C-alpha atoms as a PDB file:
ATOM      1  CA  MET A   1      20.892 -18.849   4.496  1.00  0.00           C
ATOM      2  CA  GLN A   2      18.245 -16.143   4.610  1.00  0.00           C
ATOM      3  CA  HIS A   3      16.638 -14.880   7.807  1.00  0.00           C
ATOM      4  CA  LYS A   4      13.177 -13.372   7.370  1.00  0.00           C
ATOM      5  CA  ILE A   5      10.253 -12.291   9.499  1.00  0.00           C
ATOM      6  CA  LEU A   6       6.697 -12.937   8.339  1.00  0.00           C
ATOM      7  CA  LEU A   7       4.069 -10.616   9.813  1.00  0.00           C
ATOM      8  CA  THR A   8       0.472 -11.704   9.281  1.00  0.00           C
ATOM      9  CA  ASP A   9      -2.588  -9.572  10.103  1.00  0.00           C
ATOM     10  CA  CYS A  10      -5.986 -10.856   8.975  1.00  0.00           C
ATOM     11  CA  PRO A  11      -9.542 -11.730  10.019  1.00  0.00           C
ATOM     12  CA  ASP A  12      -9.482 -14.687  12.371  1.00  0.00           C
ATOM     13  CA  GLU A  13     -10.694 -18.098  11.299  1.00  0.00           C
ATOM     14  CA  LYS A  14      -9.960 -21.704  12.177  1.00  0.00           C
ATOM     15  CA  GLY A  15      -6.763 -23.319  10.943  1.00  0.00           C
ATOM     16  CA  LEU A  16      -4.718 -20.196  10.207  1.00  0.00           C
ATOM     17  CA  ILE A  17      -1.668 -21.220  12.222  1.00  0.00           C
ATOM     18  CA  ALA A  18      -1.609 -24.671  10.613  1.00  0.00           C
ATOM     19  CA  ARG A  19      -2.019 -23.210   7.122  1.00  0.00           C
ATOM     20  CA  ILE A  20       0.774 -20.674   7.506  1.00  0.00           C
ATOM     21  CA  THR A  21       3.253 -22.924   9.284  1.00  0.00           C
ATOM     22  CA  GLY A  22       2.435 -25.752   6.875  1.00  0.00           C
ATOM     23  CA  LEU A  23       3.281 -23.484   3.951  1.00  0.00           C
ATOM     24  CA  CYS A  24       6.592 -22.628   5.614  1.00  0.00           C
ATOM     25  CA  SER A  25       7.337 -26.326   5.944  1.00  0.00           C
ATOM     26  CA  GLN A  26       6.488 -26.927   2.281  1.00  0.00           C
ATOM     27  CA  HIS A  27       9.083 -24.305   1.365  1.00  0.00           C
ATOM     28  CA  HIS A  28      11.654 -26.010   3.637  1.00  0.00           C
ATOM     29  CA  LEU A  29      11.820 -23.063   6.001  1.00  0.00           C
ATOM     30  CA  ASN A  30      12.823 -23.484   9.607  1.00  0.00           C
ATOM     31  CA  ILE A  31      10.564 -21.635  12.063  1.00  0.00           C
ATOM     32  CA  ILE A  32      12.895 -20.125  14.649  1.00  0.00           C
ATOM     33  CA  LYS A  33      10.160 -18.473  16.692  1.00  0.00           C
ATOM     34  CA  ASN A  34       6.417 -17.968  16.381  1.00  0.00           C
ATOM     35  CA  ASN A  35       4.028 -15.679  18.279  1.00  0.00           C
ATOM     36  CA  GLU A  36       0.317 -15.266  17.675  1.00  0.00           C
ATOM     37  CA  PHE A  37      -2.576 -13.312  19.148  1.00  0.00           C
ATOM     38  CA  VAL A  38      -6.311 -13.105  18.448  1.00  0.00           C
ATOM     39  CA  ASP A  39      -8.157  -9.863  19.176  1.00  0.00           C
ATOM     40  CA  ASP A  40     -11.574 -11.325  19.916  1.00  0.00           C
ATOM     41  CA  SER A  41     -13.277  -7.922  20.091  1.00  0.00           C
ATOM     42  CA  HIS A  42     -12.388  -7.255  16.444  1.00  0.00           C
ATOM     43  CA  ASN A  43     -12.038 -10.876  15.236  1.00  0.00           C
ATOM     44  CA  ARG A  44      -8.472 -10.128  14.132  1.00  0.00           C
ATOM     45  CA  PHE A  45      -5.522 -12.546  13.988  1.00  0.00           C
ATOM     46  CA  PHE A  46      -1.887 -11.449  14.347  1.00  0.00           C
ATOM     47  CA  MET A  47       1.191 -13.624  13.937  1.00  0.00           C
ATOM     48  CA  ARG A  48       4.935 -12.967  13.890  1.00  0.00           C
ATOM     49  CA  THR A  49       7.087 -15.772  12.477  1.00  0.00           C
ATOM     50  CA  GLU A  50      10.899 -15.826  12.347  1.00  0.00           C
ATOM     51  CA  LEU A  51      12.128 -17.930   9.445  1.00  0.00           C
ATOM     52  CA  ALA A  52      15.450 -19.313   8.251  1.00  0.00           C
ATOM     53  CA  GLY A  53      16.229 -21.015   4.945  1.00  0.00           C
ATOM     54  CA  GLU A  54      16.468 -20.412   1.225  1.00  0.00           C
ATOM     55  CA  LEU A  55      13.311 -18.604   0.192  1.00  0.00           C
ATOM     56  CA  ASP A  56      11.791 -17.822  -3.192  1.00  0.00           C
ATOM     57  CA  ASP A  57       9.916 -14.714  -2.061  1.00  0.00           C
ATOM     58  CA  ASP A  58       7.590 -14.438  -5.058  1.00  0.00           C
ATOM     59  CA  ALA A  59       6.500 -18.080  -5.006  1.00  0.00           C
ATOM     60  CA  PHE A  60       6.033 -18.082  -1.237  1.00  0.00           C
ATOM     61  CA  GLU A  61       4.028 -14.860  -1.192  1.00  0.00           C
ATOM     62  CA  SER A  62       1.826 -15.988  -4.073  1.00  0.00           C
ATOM     63  CA  GLU A  63       0.855 -19.139  -2.181  1.00  0.00           C
ATOM     64  CA  LEU A  64       0.503 -17.256   1.103  1.00  0.00           C
ATOM     65  CA  LYS A  65      -2.142 -14.957  -0.375  1.00  0.00           C
ATOM     66  CA  ALA A  66      -4.249 -17.985  -1.237  1.00  0.00           C
ATOM     67  CA  HIS A  67      -4.020 -19.246   2.356  1.00  0.00           C
ATOM     68  CA  LEU A  68      -5.272 -16.027   3.979  1.00  0.00           C
ATOM     69  CA  PRO A  69      -8.876 -14.885   4.353  1.00  0.00           C
ATOM     70  CA  ALA A  70     -10.221 -11.908   2.422  1.00  0.00           C
ATOM     71  CA  GLY A  71      -8.914  -8.688   3.952  1.00  0.00           C
ATOM     72  CA  GLY A  72      -5.729 -10.359   5.119  1.00  0.00           C
ATOM     73  CA  GLN A  73      -2.417  -8.516   5.110  1.00  0.00           C
ATOM     74  CA  TYR A  74       1.153  -9.691   5.456  1.00  0.00           C
ATOM     75  CA  ARG A  75       4.709  -8.424   5.297  1.00  0.00           C
ATOM     76  CA  LEU A  76       7.804 -10.502   4.628  1.00  0.00           C
ATOM     77  CA  VAL A  77      10.863  -8.551   5.770  1.00  0.00           C
ATOM     78  CA  ASP A  78      14.575  -9.136   6.219  1.00  0.00           C
ATOM     79  CA  ASN A  79      15.673  -9.719   9.795  1.00  0.00           C
ATOM     80  CA  GLY A  80      18.390  -7.084   9.639  1.00  0.00           C
ATOM     81  CA  ARG A  81      19.331  -3.741  11.117  1.00  0.00           C
ATOM     82  CA  LYS A  82      16.974  -0.830  10.519  1.00  0.00           C
ATOM     83  CA  ARG A  83      18.195   2.586   9.460  1.00  0.00           C
ATOM     84  CA  ILE A  84      17.107   5.503  11.649  1.00  0.00           C
ATOM     85  CA  VAL A  85      17.452   9.280  11.758  1.00  0.00           C
ATOM     86  CA  ILE A  86      17.162  10.932  15.172  1.00  0.00           C
ATOM     87  CA  LEU A  87      15.763  14.431  15.783  1.00  0.00           C
ATOM     88  CA  VAL A  88      16.873  16.269  18.928  1.00  0.00           C
ATOM     89  CA  THR A  89      16.701  19.634  20.646  1.00  0.00           C
ATOM     90  CA  LYS A  90      18.842  20.058  23.797  1.00  0.00           C
ATOM     91  CA  GLU A  91      18.238  17.154  26.193  1.00  0.00           C
ATOM     92  CA  ALA A  92      20.885  14.442  26.013  1.00  0.00           C
ATOM     93  CA  HIS A  93      19.522  11.489  28.006  1.00  0.00           C
ATOM     94  CA  CYS A  94      17.459   9.751  25.299  1.00  0.00           C
ATOM     95  CA  LEU A  95      19.960  10.380  22.509  1.00  0.00           C
ATOM     96  CA  GLY A  96      22.865   9.239  24.681  1.00  0.00           C
ATOM     97  CA  ASP A  97      21.098   6.017  25.612  1.00  0.00           C
ATOM     98  CA  ILE A  98      20.350   5.170  21.975  1.00  0.00           C
ATOM     99  CA  LEU A  99      23.895   6.038  20.837  1.00  0.00           C
ATOM    100  CA  MET A 100      25.410   3.807  23.509  1.00  0.00           C
ATOM    101  CA  LYS A 101      23.093   0.858  22.948  1.00  0.00           C
ATOM    102  CA  ALA A 102      23.488   1.038  19.175  1.00  0.00           C
ATOM    103  CA  SER A 103      27.273   1.181  19.517  1.00  0.00           C
ATOM    104  CA  TYR A 104      27.490  -2.147  21.336  1.00  0.00           C
ATOM    105  CA  GLY A 105      24.725  -3.897  19.411  1.00  0.00           C
ATOM    106  CA  ASP A 106      21.925  -3.816  21.962  1.00  0.00           C
ATOM    107  CA  LEU A 107      19.669  -2.119  19.406  1.00  0.00           C
ATOM    108  CA  ASN A 108      19.051  -3.480  15.921  1.00  0.00           C
ATOM    109  CA  VAL A 109      19.709  -0.092  14.295  1.00  0.00           C
ATOM    110  CA  GLU A 110      22.079   1.851  12.109  1.00  0.00           C
ATOM    111  CA  ILE A 111      21.999   5.509  13.125  1.00  0.00           C
ATOM    112  CA  ALA A 112      22.352   7.316   9.812  1.00  0.00           C
ATOM    113  CA  ALA A 113      22.336  10.846  11.251  1.00  0.00           C
ATOM    114  CA  VAL A 114      21.212  13.114  14.056  1.00  0.00           C
ATOM    115  CA  ILE A 115      19.452  16.381  13.239  1.00  0.00           C
ATOM    116  CA  GLY A 116      19.066  19.156  15.805  1.00  0.00           C
ATOM    117  CA  ASN A 117      17.568  22.617  15.871  1.00  0.00           C
ATOM    118  CA  TYR A 118      20.335  23.581  18.346  1.00  0.00           C
ATOM    119  CA  ASP A 119      23.989  22.519  18.297  1.00  0.00           C
ATOM    120  CA  THR A 120      23.895  21.441  21.964  1.00  0.00           C
ATOM    121  CA  LEU A 121      24.192  17.714  21.189  1.00  0.00           C
ATOM    122  CA  GLN A 122      26.578  17.926  18.261  1.00  0.00           C
ATOM    123  CA  ASN A 123      29.686  17.060  20.291  1.00  0.00           C
ATOM    124  CA  LEU A 124      28.007  14.037  21.879  1.00  0.00           C
ATOM    125  CA  THR A 125      26.831  12.749  18.501  1.00  0.00           C
ATOM    126  CA  GLU A 126      30.182  13.156  16.775  1.00  0.00           C
ATOM    127  CA  LYS A 127      31.950  11.224  19.554  1.00  0.00           C
ATOM    128  CA  PHE A 128      30.171   8.192  18.061  1.00  0.00           C
ATOM    129  CA  SER A 129      31.290   9.126  14.518  1.00  0.00           C
ATOM    130  CA  ILE A 130      27.730   9.884  13.437  1.00  0.00           C
ATOM    131  CA  PRO A 131      26.878  12.918  11.261  1.00  0.00           C
ATOM    132  CA  PHE A 132      25.137  15.792  13.036  1.00  0.00           C
ATOM    133  CA  HIS A 133      23.158  18.355  11.059  1.00  0.00           C
ATOM    134  CA  LEU A 134      22.235  21.675  12.631  1.00  0.00           C
ATOM    135  CA  ILE A 135      19.050  23.085  11.130  1.00  0.00           C
ATOM    136  CA  SER A 136      18.122  26.092  13.221  1.00  0.00           C
ATOM    137  CA  HIS A 137      14.502  27.168  13.416  1.00  0.00           C
ATOM    138  CA  GLU A 138      15.419  30.773  14.187  1.00  0.00           C
ATOM    139  CA  GLY A 139      14.079  33.272  11.673  1.00  0.00           C
ATOM    140  CA  LEU A 140      12.038  30.609   9.872  1.00  0.00           C
ATOM    141  CA  SER A 141       8.375  29.738   9.916  1.00  0.00           C
ATOM    142  CA  ARG A 142       7.495  26.235  11.110  1.00  0.00           C
ATOM    143  CA  SER A 143       6.802  25.077   7.554  1.00  0.00           C
ATOM    144  CA  GLU A 144      10.047  26.583   6.221  1.00  0.00           C
ATOM    145  CA  HIS A 145      12.107  24.999   8.979  1.00  0.00           C
ATOM    146  CA  GLU A 146      10.491  21.620   8.565  1.00  0.00           C
ATOM    147  CA  LYS A 147      11.015  21.711   4.800  1.00  0.00           C
ATOM    148  CA  PHE A 148      14.770  21.750   5.446  1.00  0.00           C
ATOM    149  CA  ILE A 149      14.386  19.012   8.070  1.00  0.00           C
ATOM    150  CA  GLN A 150      12.408  16.817   5.709  1.00  0.00           C
ATOM    151  CA  GLU A 151      14.917  17.276   2.893  1.00  0.00           C
ATOM    152  CA  GLN A 152      17.741  16.202   5.189  1.00  0.00           C
ATOM    153  CA  ILE A 153      15.829  13.180   6.464  1.00  0.00           C
ATOM    154  CA  ALA A 154      14.962  12.114   2.917  1.00  0.00           C
ATOM    155  CA  HIS A 155      18.658  12.214   1.986  1.00  0.00           C
ATOM    156  CA  TYR A 156      19.276   9.291   4.377  1.00  0.00           C
ATOM    157  CA  GLN A 157      16.185   7.248   3.414  1.00  0.00           C
ATOM    158  CA  PRO A 158      15.566   5.932   6.946  1.00  0.00           C
ATOM    159  CA  ASP A 159      13.250   3.138   7.935  1.00  0.00           C
ATOM    160  CA  TYR A 160      12.229   5.154  11.006  1.00  0.00           C
ATOM    161  CA  VAL A 161      12.545   8.658  12.417  1.00  0.00           C
ATOM    162  CA  VAL A 162      13.044   8.918  16.192  1.00  0.00           C
ATOM    163  CA  LEU A 163      12.127  12.030  18.176  1.00  0.00           C
ATOM    164  CA  ALA A 164      14.568  11.849  21.094  1.00  0.00           C
ATOM    165  CA  LYS A 165      13.142  14.765  23.085  1.00  0.00           C
ATOM    166  CA  TYR A 166      12.650  16.830  19.934  1.00  0.00           C
ATOM    167  CA  MET A 167      10.584  19.650  21.344  1.00  0.00           C
ATOM    168  CA  ARG A 168       8.747  20.855  18.254  1.00  0.00           C
ATOM    169  CA  ILE A 169       5.377  19.815  16.871  1.00  0.00           C
ATOM    170  CA  LEU A 170       5.632  18.194  13.439  1.00  0.00           C
ATOM    171  CA  THR A 171       3.581  19.436  10.513  1.00  0.00           C
ATOM    172  CA  PRO A 172       1.057  17.119   8.830  1.00  0.00           C
ATOM    173  CA  GLU A 173       3.306  16.992   5.759  1.00  0.00           C
ATOM    174  CA  LEU A 174       6.187  15.373   7.623  1.00  0.00           C
ATOM    175  CA  VAL A 175       3.894  12.992   9.495  1.00  0.00           C
ATOM    176  CA  ALA A 176       2.310  11.926   6.200  1.00  0.00           C
ATOM    177  CA  ALA A 177       5.730  11.210   4.686  1.00  0.00           C
ATOM    178  CA  TYR A 178       6.467   8.572   7.363  1.00  0.00           C
ATOM    179  CA  PRO A 179       3.175   6.991   8.447  1.00  0.00           C
ATOM    180  CA  HIS A 180       3.657   4.890  11.592  1.00  0.00           C
ATOM    181  CA  ARG A 181       7.404   5.351  11.141  1.00  0.00           C
ATOM    182  CA  ILE A 182       7.992   8.305  13.469  1.00  0.00           C
ATOM    183  CA  ILE A 183       8.510   7.338  17.117  1.00  0.00           C
ATOM    184  CA  ASN A 184       8.177   9.887  19.906  1.00  0.00           C
ATOM    185  CA  ILE A 185       8.876   9.780  23.630  1.00  0.00           C
ATOM    186  CA  HIS A 186       6.369  11.668  25.743  1.00  0.00           C
ATOM    187  CA  HIS A 187       7.376  12.726  29.243  1.00  0.00           C
ATOM    188  CA  SER A 188       4.188  11.452  30.860  1.00  0.00           C
ATOM    189  CA  PHE A 189       2.106   8.332  31.263  1.00  0.00           C
ATOM    190  CA  LEU A 190      -0.447   9.164  28.562  1.00  0.00           C
ATOM    191  CA  PRO A 191      -3.199  10.238  28.467  1.00  0.00           C
ATOM    192  CA  ALA A 192      -2.330  12.150  31.662  1.00  0.00           C
ATOM    193  CA  PHE A 193      -0.542  15.496  31.616  1.00  0.00           C
ATOM    194  CA  ILE A 194      -0.527  16.195  27.901  1.00  0.00           C
ATOM    195  CA  GLY A 195       1.331  19.311  26.801  1.00  0.00           C
ATOM    196  CA  ALA A 196       4.022  21.460  28.394  1.00  0.00           C
ATOM    197  CA  ARG A 197       5.633  21.107  31.847  1.00  0.00           C
ATOM    198  CA  PRO A 198       4.231  17.645  32.641  1.00  0.00           C
ATOM    199  CA  TYR A 199       6.338  17.177  35.775  1.00  0.00           C
ATOM    200  CA  GLN A 200       5.154  20.482  37.167  1.00  0.00           C
ATOM    201  CA  GLN A 201       1.597  19.345  36.380  1.00  0.00           C
ATOM    202  CA  ALA A 202       2.303  16.052  38.162  1.00  0.00           C
ATOM    203  CA  PHE A 203       3.803  17.831  41.167  1.00  0.00           C
ATOM    204  CA  ASP A 204       0.854  20.203  41.371  1.00  0.00           C
ATOM    205  CA  ARG A 205      -1.516  17.227  41.446  1.00  0.00           C
ATOM    206  CA  GLY A 206       0.540  15.402  44.080  1.00  0.00           C
ATOM    207  CA  VAL A 207       0.800  12.228  41.998  1.00  0.00           C
ATOM    208  CA  LYS A 208       2.252   9.051  43.488  1.00  0.00           C
ATOM    209  CA  MET A 209       3.764   7.766  40.276  1.00  0.00           C
ATOM    210  CA  ILE A 210       5.215   9.269  37.106  1.00  0.00           C
ATOM    211  CA  GLY A 211       5.865   7.640  33.792  1.00  0.00           C
ATOM    212  CA  ALA A 212       6.741   7.913  30.132  1.00  0.00           C
ATOM    213  CA  THR A 213       5.087   6.845  26.888  1.00  0.00           C
ATOM    214  CA  ALA A 214       6.603   5.976  23.512  1.00  0.00           C
ATOM    215  CA  HIS A 215       4.181   6.186  20.622  1.00  0.00           C
ATOM    216  CA  PHE A 216       3.901   6.578  16.878  1.00  0.00           C
ATOM    217  CA  VAL A 217       3.339  10.158  15.794  1.00  0.00           C
ATOM    218  CA  THR A 218       0.044  11.162  14.205  1.00  0.00           C
ATOM    219  CA  ASN A 219      -1.522  14.544  13.552  1.00  0.00           C
ATOM    220  CA  ASN A 220      -3.332  14.301  16.899  1.00  0.00           C
ATOM    221  CA  LEU A 221      -0.800  15.627  19.411  1.00  0.00           C
ATOM    222  CA  ASP A 222       0.460  12.864  21.736  1.00  0.00           C
ATOM    223  CA  GLU A 223      -2.445  10.591  20.762  1.00  0.00           C
ATOM    224  CA  GLY A 224      -0.781   8.194  18.302  1.00  0.00           C
ATOM    225  CA  PRO A 225      -0.693   4.399  18.826  1.00  0.00           C
ATOM    226  CA  ILE A 226       1.188   3.584  22.033  1.00  0.00           C
ATOM    227  CA  ILE A 227       4.173   1.240  21.737  1.00  0.00           C
ATOM    228  CA  GLU A 228       5.545   1.136  25.281  1.00  0.00           C
ATOM    229  CA  GLN A 229       4.965   2.717  28.702  1.00  0.00           C
ATOM    230  CA  ASP A 230       6.440   2.488  32.178  1.00  0.00           C
ATOM    231  CA  VAL A 231       6.108   4.190  35.565  1.00  0.00           C
ATOM    232  CA  ILE A 232       8.043   4.705  38.779  1.00  0.00           C
ATOM    233  CA  HIS A 233       6.613   5.483  42.200  1.00  0.00           C
ATOM    234  CA  THR A 234       7.071   8.856  43.866  1.00  0.00           C
ATOM    235  CA  ASP A 235       5.931  10.373  47.141  1.00  0.00           C
ATOM    236  CA  HIS A 236       5.411  13.686  48.907  1.00  0.00           C
ATOM    237  CA  THR A 237       9.174  14.259  49.269  1.00  0.00           C
ATOM    238  CA  TYR A 238       9.638  14.662  45.489  1.00  0.00           C
ATOM    239  CA  SER A 239       9.967  18.194  44.178  1.00  0.00           C
ATOM    240  CA  ALA A 240       9.088  18.976  40.568  1.00  0.00           C
ATOM    241  CA  GLU A 241      12.835  18.994  39.801  1.00  0.00           C
ATOM    242  CA  ARG A 242      13.391  15.573  41.393  1.00  0.00           C
ATOM    243  CA  MET A 243      10.393  14.224  39.500  1.00  0.00           C
ATOM    244  CA  ALA A 244      11.887  15.523  36.251  1.00  0.00           C
ATOM    245  CA  SER A 245      15.239  13.875  37.026  1.00  0.00           C
ATOM    246  CA  ALA A 246      13.599  10.533  37.798  1.00  0.00           C
ATOM    247  CA  GLY A 247      11.380  10.934  34.766  1.00  0.00           C
ATOM    248  CA  ARG A 248      14.372  11.282  32.448  1.00  0.00           C
ATOM    249  CA  ASP A 249      15.510   7.789  33.439  1.00  0.00           C
ATOM    250  CA  VAL A 250      12.088   6.359  32.635  1.00  0.00           C
ATOM    251  CA  GLU A 251      11.954   8.223  29.321  1.00  0.00           C
ATOM    252  CA  LYS A 252      15.214   6.833  27.983  1.00  0.00           C
ATOM    253  CA  TYR A 253      14.385   3.254  28.968  1.00  0.00           C
ATOM    254  CA  VAL A 254      10.895   3.421  27.470  1.00  0.00           C
ATOM    255  CA  LEU A 255      12.125   4.938  24.202  1.00  0.00           C
ATOM    256  CA  SER A 256      14.889   2.350  23.817  1.00  0.00           C
ATOM    257  CA  ARG A 257      12.497  -0.527  24.478  1.00  0.00           C
ATOM    258  CA  ALA A 258       9.977   0.852  22.002  1.00  0.00           C
ATOM    259  CA  LEU A 259      12.697   1.276  19.400  1.00  0.00           C
ATOM    260  CA  ARG A 260      13.817  -2.302  19.969  1.00  0.00           C
ATOM    261  CA  PHE A 261      10.274  -3.647  19.545  1.00  0.00           C
ATOM    262  CA  VAL A 262       9.722  -1.664  16.353  1.00  0.00           C
ATOM    263  CA  THR A 263      13.061  -2.422  14.697  1.00  0.00           C
ATOM    264  CA  GLU A 264      12.765  -6.117  15.537  1.00  0.00           C
ATOM    265  CA  GLU A 265       9.379  -6.102  13.762  1.00  0.00           C
ATOM    266  CA  ARG A 266       7.417  -6.925  16.912  1.00  0.00           C
ATOM    267  CA  VAL A 267       4.762  -4.210  16.541  1.00  0.00           C
ATOM    268  CA  PHE A 268       1.464  -4.308  14.640  1.00  0.00           C
ATOM    269  CA  VAL A 269      -0.600  -1.122  14.369  1.00  0.00           C
ATOM    270  CA  THR A 270      -4.324  -1.782  14.448  1.00  0.00           C
ATOM    271  CA  GLY A 271      -6.471   1.342  14.415  1.00  0.00           C
ATOM    272  CA  ASN A 272      -5.087   3.594  17.134  1.00  0.00           C
ATOM    273  CA  ARG A 273      -3.744   0.668  19.141  1.00  0.00           C
ATOM    274  CA  THR A 274      -0.787  -1.678  18.843  1.00  0.00           C
ATOM    275  CA  VAL A 275      -0.147  -5.370  19.285  1.00  0.00           C
ATOM    276  CA  VAL A 276       3.409  -5.839  20.613  1.00  0.00           C
ATOM    277  CA  PHE A 277       5.084  -9.250  20.756  1.00  0.00           C
ATOM    278  CA  ARG A 278       7.761  -8.868  23.428  1.00  0.00           C
END
């Protein structure tokens, strides 16, 4: 028996749910779960449908096209593990959380490799029997370094690239190679405190909460479509160092949740926003 996920994104009009679910019934498919949302401000319909059964993909998709309004889009994907490559620098908390959750099946991923511009996290990675590739940036221009990074990523043909505290800005060439397939964790509740030393910025402002943001990477620094965010409360007793320590916990949880949503095909990108079916 096949297990598929149908993702529908189209202009809204009456009867769409009945049309799509009726077509699934005609093809003797069992609907395991269905979520839908209408963005009234843009007259846009989104639906995520988990299916089980024996499916003739070509016949089903041909009929589905006829059921959707002009400008409609859909994806029919296997409900299986997604292949990821992780980029890291020196901080271990996000990588360690993903390695652990993937190892006991709490994330729907196969970690193909970890690539770092320092060897700091090599030992941690190899404890999970995952290849680690050191590609140092020293003595190289940004474009030269990233050329080697991109070649290594391409070798593994990942579904997604995860920046687990990878502290280098990507070039437009790498971003273009994986549109809406590079996931970053930002150590701040965007759009606040963009750039370096966010916890020092937060401390200097005397904030009462700190947070983290996971988003897709675009060429606009830290401004890509947001997938997940969370915050924790702080007070006047927090130093910048204590804020950073608390922030690391938020970062790893937010990145893991975002990765789960994306790899379980729960995320639609619409403009610079997302629709996320939790």
